[in-house]
N, C-alpha and C. Protein backbone atom coordinates (compact mmCIF):
# COMPACT_ATOMS: atom_id res chain seq x y z
N UNK A 1 12.18 12.86 13.86
CA UNK A 1 13.44 11.69 13.50
C UNK A 1 12.44 10.79 12.75
N UNK A 2 13.89 10.78 11.29
CA UNK A 2 13.09 9.85 10.65
C UNK A 2 13.14 8.61 10.70
N UNK A 3 12.36 7.48 10.64
CA UNK A 3 12.46 6.24 11.15
C UNK A 3 13.21 5.03 9.92
N UNK A 4 11.94 5.74 8.81
CA UNK A 4 12.49 5.21 7.51
C UNK A 4 11.88 5.74 6.18
N UNK A 5 12.16 5.61 4.76
CA UNK A 5 11.85 6.02 3.86
C UNK A 5 11.06 4.87 2.75
N UNK A 6 10.10 5.07 2.19
CA UNK A 6 9.83 3.84 0.63
C UNK A 6 9.44 4.49 -0.03
N UNK A 7 9.50 3.94 -1.05
CA UNK A 7 9.50 4.37 -2.51
C UNK A 7 8.85 2.83 -3.84
N UNK A 8 7.94 3.47 -3.90
CA UNK A 8 7.87 2.23 -4.99
C UNK A 8 7.19 3.08 -6.67
N UNK A 9 7.89 2.43 -8.05
CA UNK A 9 6.83 2.68 -8.87
C UNK A 9 6.57 1.25 -9.32
N UNK A 10 5.22 1.64 -9.68
CA UNK A 10 4.24 0.42 -10.52
C UNK A 10 3.89 0.84 -11.70
N UNK A 11 3.68 -0.43 -12.74
CA UNK A 11 3.34 -0.49 -14.20
C UNK A 11 1.81 -0.50 -14.11
N UNK A 12 1.10 0.85 -14.20
CA UNK A 12 -0.60 0.44 -14.29
C UNK A 12 -0.78 -0.44 -15.27
N UNK A 13 -0.48 -1.19 -16.08
CA UNK A 13 -1.12 -1.84 -16.88
C UNK A 13 -0.46 -3.15 -16.64
N UNK A 14 0.37 -3.41 -16.39
CA UNK A 14 0.67 -4.88 -15.28
C UNK A 14 -0.18 -5.21 -14.09
N UNK A 15 -0.39 -4.19 -13.32
CA UNK A 15 -1.31 -4.40 -12.21
C UNK A 15 -2.69 -4.73 -12.88
N UNK A 16 -3.10 -4.19 -13.85
CA UNK A 16 -4.31 -4.10 -13.97
C UNK A 16 -4.64 -5.43 -14.89
N UNK A 17 -3.50 -6.23 -15.15
CA UNK A 17 -3.49 -7.30 -15.97
C UNK A 17 -4.08 -8.95 -14.73
N UNK A 18 -3.44 -8.29 -13.99
CA UNK A 18 -3.02 -9.24 -12.88
C UNK A 18 -4.48 -8.48 -11.48
N UNK A 19 -4.94 -7.43 -11.93
CA UNK A 19 -5.53 -7.19 -11.17
C UNK A 19 -6.85 -7.42 -10.81
N UNK A 20 -7.30 -8.13 -12.34
CA UNK A 20 -8.38 -9.04 -12.81
C UNK A 20 -8.58 -10.40 -11.77
N UNK A 21 -7.52 -10.55 -10.82
CA UNK A 21 -7.35 -12.16 -10.70
C UNK A 21 -7.96 -11.93 -9.28
N UNK A 22 -9.32 -12.61 -9.13
CA UNK A 22 -10.15 -12.43 -7.52
C UNK A 22 -8.77 -12.50 -6.27
N UNK A 23 -8.02 -14.02 -6.79
CA UNK A 23 -7.25 -14.34 -5.85
C UNK A 23 -5.87 -13.20 -5.52
N UNK A 24 -5.19 -12.46 -6.20
CA UNK A 24 -4.55 -11.57 -6.07
C UNK A 24 -4.96 -10.37 -5.37
N UNK A 25 -6.49 -10.19 -5.58
CA UNK A 25 -6.74 -9.24 -5.17
C UNK A 25 -7.25 -9.47 -3.41
N UNK A 26 -7.78 -11.33 -3.54
CA UNK A 26 -8.27 -11.41 -1.83
C UNK A 26 -6.29 -11.26 -0.79
N UNK A 27 -5.51 -11.26 -1.62
CA UNK A 27 -3.99 -11.69 -1.42
C UNK A 27 -3.73 -9.81 -0.68
N UNK A 28 -3.92 -9.29 -1.60
CA UNK A 28 -3.15 -7.42 -1.25
C UNK A 28 -4.13 -6.75 -0.59
N UNK A 29 -5.38 -7.17 -0.56
CA UNK A 29 -6.08 -5.55 -0.39
C UNK A 29 -7.05 -6.28 1.37
N UNK A 30 -7.43 -5.09 1.81
CA UNK A 30 -8.29 -5.56 2.49
C UNK A 30 -9.80 -5.22 2.74
N UNK A 31 -10.87 -5.82 3.27
CA UNK A 31 -12.05 -5.84 2.74
C UNK A 31 -12.50 -4.05 2.42
N UNK A 32 -11.95 -3.63 2.88
CA UNK A 32 -12.35 -1.83 2.99
C UNK A 32 -11.87 -1.32 1.74
N UNK A 33 -10.72 -1.79 1.01
CA UNK A 33 -10.21 -1.62 -0.18
C UNK A 33 -10.91 -2.18 -1.30
N UNK A 34 -11.09 -3.21 -0.89
CA UNK A 34 -11.98 -4.08 -2.21
C UNK A 34 -13.29 -3.36 -1.99
N UNK A 35 -13.71 -2.73 -0.92
CA UNK A 35 -15.42 -2.46 -1.25
C UNK A 35 -15.41 -0.99 -1.67
N UNK A 36 -13.92 -0.49 -1.55
CA UNK A 36 -14.20 1.04 -2.25
C UNK A 36 -13.68 0.96 -4.03
N UNK A 37 -13.61 -0.64 -4.53
CA UNK A 37 -13.19 -0.73 -5.82
C UNK A 37 -14.59 -1.01 -6.66
N UNK A 38 -15.32 -1.26 -6.03
CA UNK A 38 -16.68 -1.22 -6.72
C UNK A 38 -17.90 0.10 -6.69
N UNK A 39 -17.01 1.26 -6.23
CA UNK A 39 -17.74 2.14 -6.31
C UNK A 39 -17.42 2.98 -7.58
N UNK A 40 -18.84 3.30 -8.28
CA UNK A 40 -18.42 3.81 -9.53
C UNK A 40 -17.85 5.30 -9.91
N UNK A 41 -17.13 5.85 -8.91
CA UNK A 41 -15.95 6.90 -9.31
C UNK A 41 -14.50 6.38 -9.15
N UNK A 42 -14.72 4.97 -9.18
CA UNK A 42 -12.98 4.43 -8.67
C UNK A 42 -12.67 4.40 -10.05
N UNK A 43 -11.02 5.14 -10.30
CA UNK A 43 -10.29 5.22 -11.92
C UNK A 43 -9.84 3.73 -11.48
N UNK A 44 -9.83 3.35 -12.56
CA UNK A 44 -8.95 2.28 -13.71
C UNK A 44 -7.69 2.00 -13.07
N UNK A 45 -7.06 3.21 -12.25
CA UNK A 45 -5.76 2.53 -11.73
C UNK A 45 -5.74 2.65 -10.33
N UNK A 46 -6.59 2.32 -9.50
CA UNK A 46 -6.84 2.31 -8.02
C UNK A 46 -6.39 1.23 -7.64
N UNK A 47 -6.00 0.11 -8.06
CA UNK A 47 -5.22 -0.98 -7.22
C UNK A 47 -3.91 -0.87 -7.87
N UNK A 48 -3.69 -0.35 -8.55
CA UNK A 48 -2.32 -0.06 -8.92
C UNK A 48 -1.80 0.77 -7.53
N UNK A 49 -2.45 2.28 -7.74
CA UNK A 49 -2.64 2.84 -5.93
C UNK A 49 -2.00 2.30 -5.35
N UNK A 50 -3.02 1.45 -4.65
CA UNK A 50 -3.24 0.69 -3.57
C UNK A 50 -1.74 -0.28 -3.24
N UNK A 51 -1.65 -0.72 -4.54
CA UNK A 51 -0.19 -1.62 -3.96
C UNK A 51 0.71 -1.06 -4.35
N UNK A 52 1.13 0.15 -4.96
CA UNK A 52 2.41 0.70 -5.09
C UNK A 52 2.44 1.25 -3.24
N UNK A 53 1.48 2.18 -2.78
CA UNK A 53 1.39 2.58 -1.56
C UNK A 53 1.88 1.26 -0.48
N UNK A 54 1.24 0.19 -0.74
CA UNK A 54 1.69 -1.20 0.30
C UNK A 54 3.24 -1.42 0.10
N UNK A 55 3.75 -1.41 -1.04
CA UNK A 55 5.19 -1.62 -1.31
C UNK A 55 5.83 -0.43 -0.66
N UNK A 56 5.38 0.44 -0.94
CA UNK A 56 6.73 1.97 -0.43
C UNK A 56 6.12 1.70 1.13
N UNK A 57 5.19 1.67 1.72
CA UNK A 57 5.17 1.18 2.83
C UNK A 57 6.23 -0.29 3.54
N UNK A 58 6.14 -1.21 3.06
CA UNK A 58 6.70 -2.51 3.59
C UNK A 58 8.43 -1.96 3.49
N UNK A 59 8.66 -1.08 2.27
CA UNK A 59 9.99 -0.83 2.28
C UNK A 59 10.55 0.08 3.36
N UNK A 60 9.72 0.90 3.86
CA UNK A 60 9.68 2.12 4.89
C UNK A 60 9.92 1.21 6.21
N UNK A 61 9.11 -0.15 6.42
CA UNK A 61 9.05 -0.91 7.95
C UNK A 61 10.33 -1.12 7.30
N UNK A 62 10.97 -1.56 6.47
CA UNK A 62 11.96 -2.63 6.45
C UNK A 62 11.96 -4.11 6.39
N UNK A 63 10.31 -4.42 6.29
CA UNK A 63 9.84 -5.83 6.19
C UNK A 63 9.68 -6.12 4.90
N UNK A 64 10.44 -7.43 4.65
CA UNK A 64 10.58 -8.26 3.58
C UNK A 64 8.59 -8.87 3.71
N UNK A 65 8.42 -9.20 2.18
CA UNK A 65 7.39 -10.02 1.88
C UNK A 65 7.58 -11.53 1.87
N UNK A 66 6.84 -11.80 2.71
CA UNK A 66 6.35 -13.17 3.00
C UNK A 66 5.10 -13.28 2.67
N UNK A 67 5.06 -14.02 1.19
CA UNK A 67 3.94 -14.71 -0.02
C UNK A 67 2.75 -13.81 0.16
N UNK A 68 2.94 -12.17 0.73
CA UNK A 68 1.94 -11.61 0.53
C UNK A 68 1.40 -11.57 1.62
N UNK A 69 1.38 -12.04 2.50
CA UNK A 69 0.82 -12.05 3.88
C UNK A 69 0.63 -10.61 4.38
N UNK A 70 1.41 -9.69 4.33
CA UNK A 70 1.48 -8.74 5.11
C UNK A 70 0.93 -6.99 4.51
N UNK A 71 0.41 -8.03 3.49
CA UNK A 71 0.03 -6.42 2.24
C UNK A 71 -1.64 -6.29 3.05
N UNK A 72 -2.62 -7.71 3.33
CA UNK A 72 -3.31 -7.26 3.89
C UNK A 72 -3.58 -6.26 5.32
N UNK A 73 -2.13 -6.22 6.00
CA UNK A 73 -1.69 -5.32 7.02
C UNK A 73 -1.57 -4.20 7.12
N UNK A 74 -1.86 -3.70 5.80
CA UNK A 74 -1.84 -2.45 5.41
C UNK A 74 -3.31 -1.52 4.64
N UNK A 75 -3.40 -0.67 5.20
CA UNK A 75 -4.91 -0.16 4.74
C UNK A 75 -4.70 0.92 4.33
N UNK A 76 -5.05 1.25 2.53
CA UNK A 76 -4.29 2.02 2.18
C UNK A 76 -5.54 3.10 1.55
N UNK A 77 -7.15 2.94 2.19
CA UNK A 77 -7.99 3.19 1.85
C UNK A 77 -8.36 4.38 1.51
N UNK A 78 -7.45 4.82 2.90
CA UNK A 78 -7.29 7.13 3.02
C UNK A 78 -6.24 6.79 2.56
N UNK A 79 -5.36 6.68 1.89
CA UNK A 79 -4.12 6.78 0.71
C UNK A 79 -2.88 8.04 1.71
N UNK A 80 -3.32 9.39 2.55
CA UNK A 80 -2.51 9.76 2.84
C UNK A 80 -2.71 9.64 4.68
N UNK A 81 -3.32 8.45 4.59
CA UNK A 81 -3.48 8.09 6.38
C UNK A 81 -3.52 6.95 6.22
N UNK A 82 -2.40 6.17 6.51
CA UNK A 82 -2.04 4.03 6.04
C UNK A 82 -2.05 4.09 7.80
N UNK A 83 -3.17 2.72 7.42
CA UNK A 83 -3.58 2.17 9.01
C UNK A 83 -2.64 0.69 8.68
N UNK A 84 -2.32 0.78 9.85
CA UNK A 84 -1.19 -0.56 9.99
C UNK A 84 -2.25 -1.49 11.29
N UNK A 85 -2.28 -2.35 10.76
CA UNK A 85 -2.83 -3.83 11.60
C UNK A 85 -1.92 -4.94 12.14
N UNK A 86 -2.38 -5.82 12.88
CA UNK A 86 -1.70 -7.18 13.21
C UNK A 86 -0.02 -7.12 13.49
N UNK A 87 0.66 -7.62 12.72
CA UNK A 87 1.66 -7.67 13.15
C UNK A 87 2.55 -6.37 12.87
N UNK A 88 2.23 -5.79 11.41
CA UNK A 88 3.07 -4.45 11.11
C UNK A 88 2.55 -3.60 12.15
N UNK A 89 1.79 -3.77 12.61
CA UNK A 89 1.96 -2.41 13.96
C UNK A 89 2.63 -2.65 14.78
N UNK A 90 2.62 -3.93 15.58
CA UNK A 90 3.34 -4.30 16.72
C UNK A 90 4.76 -3.73 16.18
N UNK A 91 5.09 -3.99 15.20
CA UNK A 91 6.63 -3.94 14.58
C UNK A 91 7.08 -2.45 14.75
N UNK A 92 5.92 -1.34 14.08
CA UNK A 92 5.94 -0.05 14.20
C UNK A 92 5.87 0.22 15.19
N UNK A 93 5.08 -0.12 16.48
CA UNK A 93 5.00 0.19 17.76
C UNK A 93 6.31 -0.07 18.57
N UNK A 94 7.03 -1.18 18.24
CA UNK A 94 8.13 -1.42 18.78
C UNK A 94 9.43 -0.82 18.61
N UNK A 95 8.89 -0.40 17.37
CA UNK A 95 10.07 0.47 16.61
C UNK A 95 9.50 2.10 16.98
N UNK A 96 8.94 2.46 17.87
CA UNK A 96 8.01 3.62 17.86
C UNK A 96 8.18 4.37 16.39
N UNK A 97 7.35 4.47 16.07
CA UNK A 97 7.16 4.73 14.43
C UNK A 97 5.89 5.28 15.22
N UNK A 98 5.86 6.76 15.37
CA UNK A 98 4.64 7.73 15.97
C UNK A 98 3.61 8.27 14.75
N UNK A 99 4.12 8.42 13.47
CA UNK A 99 3.66 9.22 12.39
C UNK A 99 3.98 8.62 10.93
N UNK A 100 2.85 8.16 9.67
CA UNK A 100 3.57 7.84 8.36
C UNK A 100 2.74 8.60 7.77
N UNK A 101 3.77 9.28 6.74
CA UNK A 101 2.85 10.00 5.88
C UNK A 101 3.67 9.68 4.34
N UNK A 102 2.13 9.33 3.46
CA UNK A 102 2.45 8.54 2.38
C UNK A 102 2.09 9.88 1.50
N UNK A 103 2.14 9.43 -0.03
CA UNK A 103 1.85 10.44 -1.30
C UNK A 103 1.85 9.48 -2.27
N UNK A 104 1.23 9.34 -2.97
CA UNK A 104 1.10 8.92 -4.74
C UNK A 104 1.11 10.05 -5.83
N UNK A 105 1.54 9.48 -6.97
CA UNK A 105 1.48 10.63 -7.92
C UNK A 105 1.50 9.43 -9.29
N UNK A 106 0.39 9.93 -10.39
CA UNK A 106 0.19 9.13 -11.62
C UNK A 106 0.37 9.80 -12.81
N UNK A 107 0.84 8.70 -13.80
CA UNK A 107 0.82 9.14 -14.92
C UNK A 107 -0.27 7.77 -15.92
N UNK A 108 -0.36 8.57 -17.17
CA UNK A 108 -1.11 7.52 -17.50
C UNK A 108 -0.33 5.97 -17.67
N UNK A 109 0.59 5.47 -17.81
CA UNK A 109 1.70 4.40 -17.77
C UNK A 109 1.70 4.00 -15.97
N UNK A 110 2.00 4.64 -15.08
CA UNK A 110 3.03 4.68 -13.94
C UNK A 110 2.29 5.32 -12.22
N UNK A 111 2.60 4.56 -11.17
CA UNK A 111 2.15 4.84 -10.22
C UNK A 111 3.47 5.30 -9.20
N UNK A 112 3.64 6.18 -8.27
CA UNK A 112 4.86 6.47 -8.19
C UNK A 112 4.26 6.03 -6.26
N UNK A 113 5.00 5.93 -5.54
CA UNK A 113 3.96 6.02 -4.07
C UNK A 113 5.50 6.13 -2.86
N UNK A 114 5.08 6.96 -2.10
CA UNK A 114 6.44 7.79 -1.36
C UNK A 114 5.41 7.59 0.24
N UNK A 115 6.34 6.70 1.23
CA UNK A 115 5.82 7.03 2.56
C UNK A 115 7.40 7.26 3.33
N UNK A 116 6.92 7.88 4.36
CA UNK A 116 8.04 8.39 5.29
C UNK A 116 7.58 8.28 6.45
N UNK A 117 8.22 7.37 7.50
CA UNK A 117 8.18 7.16 8.79
C UNK A 117 8.89 7.57 10.11
N UNK A 118 7.90 8.51 10.77
CA UNK A 118 8.94 9.30 11.59
C UNK A 118 8.39 8.61 13.45
N UNK A 119 9.67 8.84 14.09
CA UNK A 119 9.41 8.73 15.44
C UNK A 119 10.31 9.08 16.43
């Protein structure tokens, strides 16, 4: 049974500009995600991909953003296998969410992410 669906579209250039701000990165990324950004094979659009996946997951969960606090409770370092922690994990468990499926696609200008929750 589908418990939630979330989609997000991001302009890559917009995220590239604010993605150079360390405070922004600290607010939205997990330590594992930040460590992946230092890898030489990482594409310039990776922060936008992380951001879009997190936004889509929050929408699927039906959770509003509270000053970005919940972004760090979603680990997108393995984009096909999102991992929830903290309050978001508790929320998912309470709502009998047993599976999260995610995907993304991008062009030179945009990233789109899609998340489906099943229970």
